[in-house]
Amino acid sequence: EVWMVESGGGSVQSGDSLKLSCITHGIKFEEARLHWYRQAPGSGCERIVLINYDGEVRIDDSVKGRFTSSRDTSQNTMDLQMNALRPKDTATYYCGANVLGVPYSPSPSGSCTLSSYWGKGVQVTVSS
């Protein structure tokens, strides 16, 4: 059985930090591209982090310098450290995994598509 579960969301003030975690089961990280996506109200899906098969981390320009991410292959977890949060970071955040040989499936919101498996999402709200 494969599942992914995010945790760590919440409501914070502008400039605060939050750390999201994603616990996974049934995914071999060396055979998967891992992602963090977010979807703001009324907006489409935005991929903000890609962790490649070899562990290389790519951060989208929209959050580069403020967000970092990592994976732990021994624990099958991935993290998203978010610093200097801004109101425009308010969104539902999803972890996802694109596993070799497994077709894409839509995210719980239906708007994100480039992963085989998804967490249910966690809300991050940043107020000014």
Protein backbone atom coordinates (compact mmCIF):
# COMPACT_ATOMS: atom_id res chain seq x y z
CA GLU A 1 0.00 0.00 0.00
CA VAL A 2 1.25 3.46 -0.93
CA TRP A 3 0.39 6.60 0.99
CA MET A 4 1.73 10.04 1.71
CA VAL A 5 0.73 12.28 4.62
CA GLU A 6 1.69 15.90 5.16
CA SER A 7 1.91 17.61 8.52
CA GLY A 8 3.09 20.89 9.96
CA GLY A 9 0.74 23.39 8.41
CA GLY A 10 -0.91 26.21 10.29
CA SER A 11 -1.58 29.91 10.54
CA VAL A 12 1.36 32.25 11.01
CA GLN A 13 2.32 35.88 10.67
CA SER A 14 4.27 37.36 7.80
CA GLY A 15 7.98 36.72 8.32
CA ASP A 16 7.46 33.57 10.37
CA SER A 17 8.71 30.10 9.55
CA LEU A 18 7.02 26.74 9.20
CA LYS A 19 8.30 23.28 8.48
CA LEU A 20 6.17 20.83 6.58
CA SER A 21 6.87 17.14 6.69
CA CYS A 22 5.65 14.36 4.46
CA ILE A 23 5.70 10.80 5.70
CA THR A 24 5.47 8.17 2.99
CA HIS A 25 4.90 4.47 2.79
CA GLY A 26 5.49 2.11 -0.09
CA ILE A 27 7.66 4.45 -2.16
CA LYS A 28 11.30 3.78 -2.97
CA PHE A 29 12.76 7.24 -3.08
CA GLU A 30 15.53 6.18 -5.46
CA GLU A 31 12.81 5.29 -7.97
CA ALA A 32 10.73 8.41 -7.55
CA ARG A 33 10.78 12.10 -8.21
CA LEU A 34 9.43 13.82 -5.15
CA HIS A 35 7.58 17.10 -5.28
CA TRP A 36 6.10 19.82 -3.16
CA TYR A 37 3.22 21.60 -4.81
CA ARG A 38 0.93 24.33 -3.60
CA GLN A 39 -2.40 25.67 -4.67
CA ALA A 40 -3.65 29.04 -3.56
CA PRO A 41 -7.38 29.78 -3.46
CA GLY A 42 -8.66 30.41 -6.95
CA SER A 43 -5.32 29.58 -8.52
CA GLY A 44 -3.83 26.68 -10.33
CA CYS A 45 -1.28 24.20 -9.11
CA GLU A 46 2.28 25.40 -8.62
CA ARG A 47 5.23 23.07 -8.20
CA ILE A 48 7.74 24.65 -5.87
CA VAL A 49 10.18 21.81 -5.19
CA LEU A 50 11.47 18.86 -7.17
CA ILE A 51 13.73 16.26 -5.55
CA ASN A 52 15.20 14.12 -8.25
CA TYR A 53 15.99 10.40 -8.16
CA ASP A 54 19.55 11.12 -7.04
CA GLY A 55 18.47 13.53 -4.31
CA GLU A 56 19.17 16.70 -6.28
CA VAL A 57 16.83 19.43 -5.04
CA ARG A 58 15.42 22.07 -7.36
CA ILE A 59 13.63 25.04 -5.86
CA ASP A 60 11.30 27.19 -7.90
CA ASP A 61 12.34 30.82 -8.32
CA SER A 62 9.15 31.96 -6.58
CA VAL A 63 10.43 30.61 -3.25
CA LYS A 64 14.16 30.28 -3.81
CA GLY A 65 16.17 31.76 -0.98
CA ARG A 66 13.31 31.32 1.49
CA PHE A 67 12.33 27.64 1.16
CA THR A 68 14.54 24.59 1.39
CA SER A 69 13.71 20.94 1.09
CA SER A 70 15.26 17.56 1.70
CA ARG A 71 14.47 13.89 1.75
CA ASP A 72 15.48 11.15 4.13
CA THR A 73 15.69 7.84 2.31
CA SER A 74 16.14 5.88 5.53
CA GLN A 75 12.95 7.27 7.04
CA ASN A 76 11.02 7.70 3.78
CA THR A 77 10.23 11.27 4.67
CA MET A 78 10.61 14.62 2.98
CA ASP A 79 10.57 18.09 4.48
CA LEU A 80 9.86 21.62 3.35
CA GLN A 81 11.36 24.37 5.47
CA MET A 82 9.64 27.66 4.79
CA ASN A 83 11.19 30.86 6.08
CA ALA A 84 10.26 34.51 5.73
CA LEU A 85 6.71 33.55 4.87
CA ARG A 86 4.54 36.04 3.02
CA PRO A 87 0.77 36.33 2.63
CA LYS A 88 1.09 35.19 -0.98
CA ASP A 89 2.49 31.88 0.32
CA THR A 90 -0.99 31.13 1.64
CA ALA A 91 -2.06 27.89 -0.03
CA THR A 92 -2.74 24.23 0.41
CA TYR A 93 0.56 22.39 0.20
CA TYR A 94 0.85 18.88 -1.18
CA CYS A 95 3.66 16.39 -1.32
CA GLY A 96 3.69 14.15 -4.34
CA ALA A 97 5.73 11.36 -5.82
CA ASN A 98 6.20 10.53 -9.48
CA VAL A 99 7.16 6.86 -9.39
CA LEU A 100 8.79 5.12 -12.33
CA GLY A 101 6.24 3.06 -14.22
CA VAL A 102 3.24 4.37 -12.32
CA PRO A 103 0.88 6.67 -14.23
CA TYR A 104 0.02 10.14 -13.08
CA SER A 105 -3.08 10.65 -11.02
CA PRO A 106 -4.74 13.91 -10.04
CA SER A 107 -4.18 15.55 -6.71
CA PRO A 108 -7.04 15.66 -4.19
CA SER A 109 -8.00 19.09 -5.56
CA GLY A 110 -7.90 17.74 -9.10
CA SER A 111 -5.73 20.60 -10.30
CA CYS A 112 -2.26 19.10 -9.89
CA THR A 113 -1.42 16.19 -12.14
CA LEU A 114 2.30 15.45 -12.41
CA SER A 115 2.60 12.82 -9.72
CA SER A 116 1.61 9.22 -9.24
CA TYR A 117 0.75 9.62 -5.57
CA TRP A 118 -0.33 12.54 -3.42
CA GLY A 119 -0.81 13.50 0.15
CA LYS A 120 -4.16 14.98 1.14
CA GLY A 121 -2.65 18.43 1.53
CA VAL A 122 -2.05 20.74 4.45
CA GLN A 123 -3.16 24.34 4.79
CA VAL A 124 -0.68 27.17 5.31
CA THR A 125 -2.12 30.59 6.02
CA VAL A 126 0.11 33.64 6.32
CA SER A 127 -1.39 36.87 7.54
CA SER A 128 0.16 40.30 7.27
